[in-house]
N, C-alpha and C. Protein backbone atom coordinates (compact mmCIF):
# COMPACT_ATOMS: atom_id res chain seq x y z
N MET A 1 -37.31 -16.49 25.56
CA MET A 1 -37.04 -15.12 24.89
C MET A 1 -35.60 -14.73 25.12
N ALA A 2 -35.28 -14.67 26.59
CA ALA A 2 -34.27 -14.10 27.37
C ALA A 2 -32.90 -14.88 26.74
N ASN A 3 -33.15 -16.43 26.40
CA ASN A 3 -31.86 -17.14 25.87
C ASN A 3 -31.73 -16.84 24.65
N SER A 4 -32.84 -16.59 23.80
CA SER A 4 -32.59 -16.11 22.13
C SER A 4 -32.34 -15.09 22.16
N CYS A 5 -32.23 -14.11 23.31
CA CYS A 5 -31.52 -12.57 22.84
C CYS A 5 -30.05 -13.04 23.64
N LYS A 6 -29.76 -13.99 24.48
CA LYS A 6 -28.09 -14.21 24.81
C LYS A 6 -27.87 -14.89 23.38
N PHE A 7 -28.27 -15.89 23.04
CA PHE A 7 -27.66 -16.61 21.72
C PHE A 7 -27.54 -15.62 20.95
N ASN A 8 -28.27 -14.56 20.62
CA ASN A 8 -28.14 -13.55 19.39
C ASN A 8 -26.61 -12.72 19.69
N ALA A 9 -26.64 -11.96 20.91
CA ALA A 9 -25.51 -11.46 21.46
C ALA A 9 -24.43 -12.02 21.29
N CYS A 10 -24.30 -13.21 21.84
CA CYS A 10 -23.34 -14.33 21.44
C CYS A 10 -22.70 -14.38 20.14
N PHE A 11 -23.73 -14.89 19.51
CA PHE A 11 -23.42 -14.98 18.07
C PHE A 11 -23.02 -13.67 17.55
N LEU A 12 -23.40 -12.62 17.48
CA LEU A 12 -23.09 -11.45 16.93
C LEU A 12 -21.84 -11.32 17.29
N LEU A 13 -21.61 -11.29 18.60
CA LEU A 13 -20.05 -11.12 19.37
C LEU A 13 -19.14 -11.87 18.53
N LEU A 14 -19.15 -13.26 18.56
CA LEU A 14 -18.47 -14.36 18.14
C LEU A 14 -18.19 -13.85 16.20
N THR A 15 -19.16 -13.56 15.59
CA THR A 15 -19.31 -12.96 14.47
C THR A 15 -18.40 -12.02 14.36
N LEU A 16 -18.47 -10.77 15.03
CA LEU A 16 -17.50 -10.31 14.76
C LEU A 16 -16.19 -10.36 15.20
N VAL A 17 -15.49 -11.04 16.12
CA VAL A 17 -14.14 -11.64 16.36
C VAL A 17 -13.84 -12.48 15.73
N ALA A 18 -14.86 -13.03 14.80
CA ALA A 18 -14.22 -14.00 13.90
C ALA A 18 -13.76 -13.13 12.60
N SER A 19 -14.76 -12.27 11.97
CA SER A 19 -14.58 -11.36 11.01
C SER A 19 -13.32 -10.53 11.41
N SER A 20 -12.99 -9.87 12.42
CA SER A 20 -11.90 -8.86 12.67
C SER A 20 -10.50 -9.71 12.21
N ILE A 21 -10.66 -11.10 12.74
CA ILE A 21 -9.44 -11.79 12.71
C ILE A 21 -9.02 -12.57 11.42
N PHE A 22 -10.14 -12.44 10.77
CA PHE A 22 -9.86 -13.03 9.16
C PHE A 22 -9.58 -12.04 8.26
N THR A 23 -10.06 -10.54 8.45
CA THR A 23 -9.98 -9.43 7.71
C THR A 23 -8.79 -8.65 7.89
N ASN A 24 -8.35 -8.87 8.96
CA ASN A 24 -6.56 -8.51 9.64
C ASN A 24 -6.04 -9.21 10.01
N PRO A 25 -5.42 -9.99 9.22
CA PRO A 25 -4.28 -11.01 9.56
C PRO A 25 -3.33 -11.03 10.58
N ALA A 26 -2.51 -9.70 10.31
CA ALA A 26 -1.79 -9.40 11.48
C ALA A 26 -2.30 -9.33 13.02
N LEU A 27 -3.76 -9.24 13.22
CA LEU A 27 -4.05 -9.34 14.62
C LEU A 27 -3.94 -10.49 14.91
N CYS A 28 -3.31 -11.56 14.03
CA CYS A 28 -3.10 -12.63 14.70
C CYS A 28 -1.41 -12.92 15.23
N ASP A 29 -0.73 -11.97 14.61
CA ASP A 29 0.82 -12.23 15.08
C ASP A 29 1.19 -10.85 15.63
N GLU A 30 1.11 -10.48 16.73
CA GLU A 30 1.55 -9.40 17.68
C GLU A 30 2.59 -8.77 17.09
N ALA A 31 3.87 -9.46 16.53
CA ALA A 31 4.99 -9.04 16.03
C ALA A 31 5.06 -8.00 14.95
N THR A 32 4.59 -9.26 14.12
CA THR A 32 3.84 -8.29 12.68
C THR A 32 3.13 -6.87 12.90
N GLN A 33 1.94 -7.07 13.87
CA GLN A 33 1.13 -5.79 14.07
C GLN A 33 2.06 -4.70 14.11
N ALA A 34 3.25 -4.74 15.34
CA ALA A 34 4.21 -4.14 16.03
C ALA A 34 5.16 -3.67 14.83
N LEU A 35 5.70 -4.23 13.66
CA LEU A 35 6.33 -4.07 13.08
C LEU A 35 5.53 -2.73 12.35
N ILE A 36 4.18 -3.46 11.62
CA ILE A 36 3.36 -2.42 10.86
C ILE A 36 2.99 -1.22 11.75
N ASP A 37 2.59 -1.23 12.58
CA ASP A 37 2.50 0.15 13.59
C ASP A 37 3.65 0.87 13.34
N LYS A 38 5.19 0.48 13.98
CA LYS A 38 6.07 1.05 13.57
C LYS A 38 6.41 1.93 12.26
N ILE A 39 5.98 1.09 11.48
CA ILE A 39 6.05 1.87 9.87
C ILE A 39 5.12 2.84 9.59
N CYS A 40 3.91 2.50 10.13
CA CYS A 40 2.69 3.86 9.53
C CYS A 40 2.75 4.56 10.56
N ARG A 41 3.37 4.18 11.75
CA ARG A 41 2.82 5.74 12.87
C ARG A 41 3.90 6.83 12.18
N GLN A 42 4.90 6.65 11.28
CA GLN A 42 5.98 7.49 10.67
C GLN A 42 4.79 8.06 9.35
N MET A 43 4.10 8.00 9.07
CA MET A 43 3.33 7.89 7.82
C MET A 43 2.09 9.31 8.09
N GLU A 44 1.60 9.98 7.12
CA GLU A 44 0.79 11.04 7.72
C GLU A 44 -0.71 10.35 7.42
N GLU A 45 -0.93 8.97 7.05
CA GLU A 45 -2.27 8.46 7.18
C GLU A 45 -2.21 7.10 7.46
N TYR A 46 -1.82 7.08 8.93
CA TYR A 46 -1.62 5.71 9.50
C TYR A 46 -2.57 4.49 9.05
N ALA A 47 -3.99 4.93 8.98
CA ALA A 47 -5.09 4.22 8.68
C ALA A 47 -4.98 3.53 7.41
N PHE A 48 -4.81 4.22 6.07
CA PHE A 48 -4.61 3.71 5.11
C PHE A 48 -3.33 2.90 5.01
N CYS A 49 -2.50 2.95 5.71
CA CYS A 49 -1.30 2.22 5.55
C CYS A 49 -1.26 1.13 6.64
N ASN A 50 -1.72 0.93 7.37
CA ASN A 50 -2.36 0.09 8.46
C ASN A 50 -2.80 -1.38 7.69
N ASP A 51 -4.11 -0.79 7.08
CA ASP A 51 -5.22 -1.15 5.94
C ASP A 51 -4.13 -1.50 4.78
N THR A 52 -3.42 -1.17 4.45
CA THR A 52 -2.90 -1.68 2.67
C THR A 52 -2.17 -2.48 2.93
N PHE A 53 -0.88 -2.91 4.12
CA PHE A 53 -0.35 -3.99 4.68
C PHE A 53 -1.09 -5.34 5.22
N ASN A 54 -2.28 -4.76 5.93
CA ASN A 54 -2.96 -5.98 6.42
C ASN A 54 -3.61 -6.70 5.34
N ARG A 55 -4.04 -5.68 4.59
CA ARG A 55 -4.97 -5.98 3.56
C ARG A 55 -4.15 -7.25 2.49
N ASN A 56 -2.99 -6.50 2.13
CA ASN A 56 -1.76 -7.73 1.38
C ASN A 56 -0.86 -8.51 2.03
N LEU A 57 -1.11 -8.96 3.16
CA LEU A 57 -0.35 -9.82 3.89
C LEU A 57 -0.64 -11.34 3.57
N LYS A 58 0.53 -12.07 3.02
CA LYS A 58 0.52 -13.62 2.51
C LYS A 58 -0.10 -14.35 3.48
N GLY A 59 0.09 -13.88 4.83
CA GLY A 59 -0.19 -14.64 5.76
C GLY A 59 -0.36 -14.06 7.09
N SER A 60 -0.11 -14.71 8.39
CA SER A 60 -0.63 -13.97 9.55
C SER A 60 0.57 -13.26 10.28
N THR A 61 1.90 -13.82 9.27
CA THR A 61 3.40 -13.03 9.93
C THR A 61 3.70 -12.60 8.96
N ALA A 62 4.50 -11.70 8.97
CA ALA A 62 5.77 -10.83 8.12
C ALA A 62 7.01 -10.08 8.64
N ASP A 63 7.83 -10.38 7.67
CA ASP A 63 8.82 -9.34 8.37
C ASP A 63 9.38 -8.02 7.95
N ILE A 64 10.24 -7.70 7.64
CA ILE A 64 10.84 -6.38 7.05
C ILE A 64 10.25 -6.41 5.38
N ALA A 65 11.21 -7.26 5.15
CA ALA A 65 11.36 -7.58 3.69
C ALA A 65 9.77 -7.94 3.20
N ALA A 66 9.16 -8.68 3.80
CA ALA A 66 7.60 -9.06 3.04
C ALA A 66 6.80 -8.07 3.08
N LEU A 67 6.92 -6.69 4.40
CA LEU A 67 6.36 -5.86 4.20
C LEU A 67 6.98 -4.83 3.09
N THR A 68 8.24 -4.64 2.85
CA THR A 68 8.71 -3.93 1.89
C THR A 68 8.40 -4.55 0.57
N ARG A 69 8.01 -5.33 0.31
CA ARG A 69 7.57 -5.84 -1.26
C ARG A 69 5.88 -5.48 -1.13
N ILE A 70 5.44 -5.77 0.07
CA ILE A 70 3.76 -5.47 -0.26
C ILE A 70 3.99 -3.79 -0.74
N ALA A 71 4.88 -3.16 0.02
CA ALA A 71 5.01 -1.34 -0.32
C ALA A 71 5.37 -1.25 -1.78
N ILE A 72 6.51 -2.00 -2.19
CA ILE A 72 6.55 -2.17 -3.52
C ILE A 72 5.97 -2.53 -4.69
N GLU A 73 4.87 -3.26 -4.18
CA GLU A 73 4.08 -3.60 -5.29
C GLU A 73 2.80 -2.75 -5.42
N GLN A 74 2.73 -2.23 -3.96
CA GLN A 74 1.30 -1.28 -4.29
C GLN A 74 1.42 -0.08 -4.65
N THR A 75 2.67 0.36 -4.37
CA THR A 75 3.10 1.70 -4.82
C THR A 75 3.39 1.70 -6.44
N LEU A 76 3.53 0.49 -7.17
CA LEU A 76 3.98 0.12 -8.83
C LEU A 76 2.37 0.25 -8.89
N SER A 77 1.39 -0.28 -8.37
CA SER A 77 0.13 -0.40 -8.52
C SER A 77 -0.67 0.90 -8.77
N ALA A 78 -0.24 1.62 -7.44
CA ALA A 78 -0.91 2.95 -7.34
C ALA A 78 -0.20 3.98 -8.65
N SER A 79 1.13 3.60 -8.70
CA SER A 79 1.28 4.70 -10.22
C SER A 79 1.23 4.09 -11.58
N LYS A 80 0.40 2.99 -11.66
CA LYS A 80 -0.05 2.30 -12.68
C LYS A 80 -1.66 3.41 -12.83
N ASP A 81 -2.08 3.18 -11.69
CA ASP A 81 -3.82 3.55 -11.75
C ASP A 81 -3.55 5.42 -11.89
N THR A 82 -2.37 5.89 -11.64
CA THR A 82 -2.27 7.28 -11.61
C THR A 82 -2.17 7.98 -13.06
N HIS A 83 -1.01 6.78 -13.82
CA HIS A 83 -0.46 6.94 -15.01
C HIS A 83 -2.04 6.90 -15.96
N ASP A 84 -2.86 6.18 -15.79
CA ASP A 84 -4.16 5.70 -16.75
C ASP A 84 -5.06 6.93 -16.36
N PHE A 85 -4.67 7.41 -15.31
CA PHE A 85 -5.86 8.55 -15.29
C PHE A 85 -5.73 9.86 -15.60
N VAL A 86 -4.05 10.14 -15.58
CA VAL A 86 -3.25 11.35 -16.16
C VAL A 86 -3.53 11.13 -17.95
N VAL A 87 -3.46 9.82 -18.41
CA VAL A 87 -3.91 9.68 -19.78
C VAL A 87 -5.04 10.36 -20.20
N GLY A 88 -5.75 9.66 -19.41
CA GLY A 88 -7.55 9.87 -19.37
C GLY A 88 -7.64 11.62 -19.70
N LEU A 89 -6.92 12.35 -18.59
CA LEU A 89 -7.18 13.50 -18.80
C LEU A 89 -6.82 14.11 -19.90
N LEU A 90 -5.24 13.53 -20.35
CA LEU A 90 -4.62 14.47 -21.39
C LEU A 90 -5.58 14.21 -22.70
N ASP A 91 -6.18 13.04 -22.82
CA ASP A 91 -6.99 13.11 -24.23
C ASP A 91 -8.40 13.74 -24.00
N LYS A 92 -8.76 13.99 -23.06
CA LYS A 92 -9.89 14.91 -22.96
C LYS A 92 -9.89 16.32 -23.15
N THR A 93 -8.70 16.58 -22.65
CA THR A 93 -8.62 18.09 -22.29
C THR A 93 -8.22 18.79 -23.70
N THR A 94 -8.51 20.39 -23.60
CA THR A 94 -8.01 21.09 -25.04
C THR A 94 -7.43 22.09 -24.10
N ASP A 95 -7.45 22.37 -23.05
CA ASP A 95 -6.95 23.38 -22.76
C ASP A 95 -5.24 23.17 -22.59
N LEU A 96 -4.68 24.27 -23.47
CA LEU A 96 -3.26 24.12 -23.76
C LEU A 96 -2.45 24.36 -22.22
N ALA A 97 -2.70 25.10 -21.63
CA ALA A 97 -1.90 24.90 -20.19
C ALA A 97 -2.25 23.75 -19.58
N GLU A 98 -3.53 23.24 -19.28
CA GLU A 98 -3.62 22.15 -18.83
C GLU A 98 -2.75 20.87 -19.31
N LYS A 99 -2.81 20.70 -20.28
CA LYS A 99 -2.47 19.95 -21.33
C LYS A 99 -0.74 19.76 -20.95
N ASN A 100 -0.25 21.11 -21.04
CA ASN A 100 1.22 20.87 -20.20
C ASN A 100 1.44 20.41 -19.18
N ALA A 101 0.95 21.05 -18.38
CA ALA A 101 0.86 20.55 -16.76
C ALA A 101 0.60 18.98 -16.74
N LEU A 102 -0.24 18.66 -17.37
CA LEU A 102 -0.70 16.79 -17.42
C LEU A 102 0.69 16.03 -18.18
N THR A 103 1.10 16.96 -19.20
CA THR A 103 2.20 16.35 -20.05
C THR A 103 3.74 16.60 -18.81
N VAL A 104 4.14 17.42 -17.83
CA VAL A 104 4.80 17.21 -17.21
C VAL A 104 4.55 16.64 -15.94
N CYS A 105 3.08 15.85 -15.54
CA CYS A 105 2.84 15.14 -14.59
C CYS A 105 3.25 14.00 -15.30
N GLU A 106 2.70 13.54 -16.65
CA GLU A 106 3.37 12.13 -17.11
C GLU A 106 4.80 11.70 -17.08
N ASN A 107 5.52 13.06 -17.52
CA ASN A 107 7.35 12.39 -17.49
C ASN A 107 7.64 12.45 -16.03
N ALA A 108 6.92 13.24 -15.18
CA ALA A 108 7.43 13.16 -13.53
C ALA A 108 7.20 11.26 -13.44
N TYR A 109 5.88 10.99 -13.65
CA TYR A 109 5.67 9.69 -13.49
C TYR A 109 6.35 8.35 -14.39
N PHE A 110 6.86 8.62 -15.36
CA PHE A 110 8.03 7.78 -16.25
C PHE A 110 9.13 7.84 -15.36
N ILE A 111 9.57 8.72 -14.75
CA ILE A 111 10.94 9.20 -13.81
C ILE A 111 10.62 8.26 -12.52
N VAL A 112 9.57 8.76 -11.85
CA VAL A 112 9.19 8.06 -10.42
C VAL A 112 8.80 6.55 -10.86
N THR A 113 8.03 5.77 -11.54
CA THR A 113 8.04 4.64 -12.38
C THR A 113 9.41 3.80 -12.17
N ASP A 114 10.48 4.32 -13.15
CA ASP A 114 11.12 3.37 -13.28
C ASP A 114 12.24 3.63 -12.31
N CYS A 115 12.20 4.73 -11.27
CA CYS A 115 12.91 4.48 -9.91
C CYS A 115 12.59 3.57 -9.08
N PHE A 116 11.12 3.12 -9.06
CA PHE A 116 10.51 2.21 -8.24
C PHE A 116 10.51 0.59 -8.84
N LYS A 117 10.57 0.41 -10.36
CA LYS A 117 11.01 -0.47 -11.04
C LYS A 117 12.15 -0.69 -10.94
N GLN A 118 13.50 -0.14 -10.52
CA GLN A 118 14.69 -0.47 -10.46
C GLN A 118 14.74 -0.87 -9.07
N ALA A 119 14.17 0.10 -7.96
CA ALA A 119 14.25 -0.51 -6.42
C ALA A 119 13.45 -1.88 -6.36
N SER A 120 12.28 -2.13 -7.04
CA SER A 120 11.94 -3.76 -7.01
C SER A 120 13.12 -4.43 -7.40
N ALA A 121 13.75 -4.72 -8.83
CA ALA A 121 14.73 -5.29 -8.94
C ALA A 121 15.39 -5.57 -7.90
N ALA A 122 16.44 -4.52 -7.39
CA ALA A 122 17.31 -4.46 -6.56
C ALA A 122 16.87 -5.00 -5.19
N PHE A 123 15.93 -4.84 -4.78
CA PHE A 123 14.79 -5.59 -3.73
C PHE A 123 15.15 -7.15 -3.88
N ALA A 124 14.62 -7.40 -5.16
CA ALA A 124 14.66 -8.83 -5.39
C ALA A 124 15.73 -9.73 -5.60
N GLN A 125 17.14 -9.04 -5.54
CA GLN A 125 18.16 -9.10 -5.43
C GLN A 125 18.60 -9.40 -4.19
N LYS A 126 18.06 -8.51 -3.29
CA LYS A 126 18.51 -8.45 -1.62
C LYS A 126 19.82 -7.30 -1.81
N ASP A 127 19.85 -6.81 -2.59
CA ASP A 127 20.76 -5.49 -2.85
C ASP A 127 19.97 -3.82 -2.26
N TYR A 128 19.60 -4.32 -0.81
CA TYR A 128 18.86 -3.10 -0.37
C TYR A 128 19.46 -2.14 -0.03
N ASP A 129 20.94 -1.49 -0.29
CA ASP A 129 21.46 -0.35 -0.14
C ASP A 129 21.26 0.04 -1.89
N SER A 130 21.56 -0.79 -3.19
CA SER A 130 20.98 -0.13 -3.92
C SER A 130 19.44 0.56 -4.17
N MET A 131 18.33 -0.26 -3.65
CA MET A 131 17.38 -0.07 -3.70
C MET A 131 16.75 0.98 -2.63
N LEU A 132 17.91 1.36 -1.76
CA LEU A 132 17.42 2.69 -1.04
C LEU A 132 17.84 3.84 -1.85
N LYS A 133 19.03 4.09 -2.38
CA LYS A 133 19.67 4.79 -3.30
C LYS A 133 18.58 5.35 -4.37
N VAL A 134 17.97 4.18 -5.03
CA VAL A 134 17.39 4.83 -6.04
C VAL A 134 15.84 5.10 -5.75
N GLU A 135 15.28 4.32 -4.61
CA GLU A 135 13.87 5.45 -3.98
C GLU A 135 13.98 6.75 -3.62
N HIS A 136 15.55 6.96 -3.35
CA HIS A 136 15.63 8.01 -2.89
C HIS A 136 15.47 9.42 -3.78
N GLN A 137 15.61 8.94 -5.16
CA GLN A 137 15.94 9.62 -5.94
C GLN A 137 14.16 9.95 -6.87
N ALA A 138 13.14 8.80 -6.64
CA ALA A 138 12.30 9.41 -6.64
C ALA A 138 11.43 10.43 -6.19
N PRO A 139 11.35 10.94 -4.96
CA PRO A 139 10.75 12.24 -4.62
C PRO A 139 11.37 13.45 -5.09
N ARG A 140 12.02 13.41 -5.84
CA ARG A 140 12.20 14.73 -6.61
C ARG A 140 11.84 14.83 -8.13
N ALA A 141 11.80 13.62 -8.54
CA ALA A 141 11.05 13.92 -10.02
C ALA A 141 9.61 14.17 -9.82
């Protein structure tokens, strides 16, 4: 019985360690996790930021360019989801004030999304100055 408990405890520990390595690829590479930490510690939602990068890594290592690509892709994806949500609300609401507010939101969506698409194109061309310039316009919208 004692050996069975030891085996079960060892198996459980091994399973937990293995699952944390495979669900969080950056744990395999200290430099990548350090870079993710440096970025995410500047964010309001560290856990969300860290999880987003780790879930979207293509391997266990990433440089700043790879992490920037993840950020751009995730931003565009979230932007589309937000637009779909706003359109759904616009279709359902009959209140004029609410409809106007949602229309303002949708217009801002188009400006912000356009900025991020331009930034993504600049990033793909390795024109990082243009990328930063166009991304700085987005928060104003």
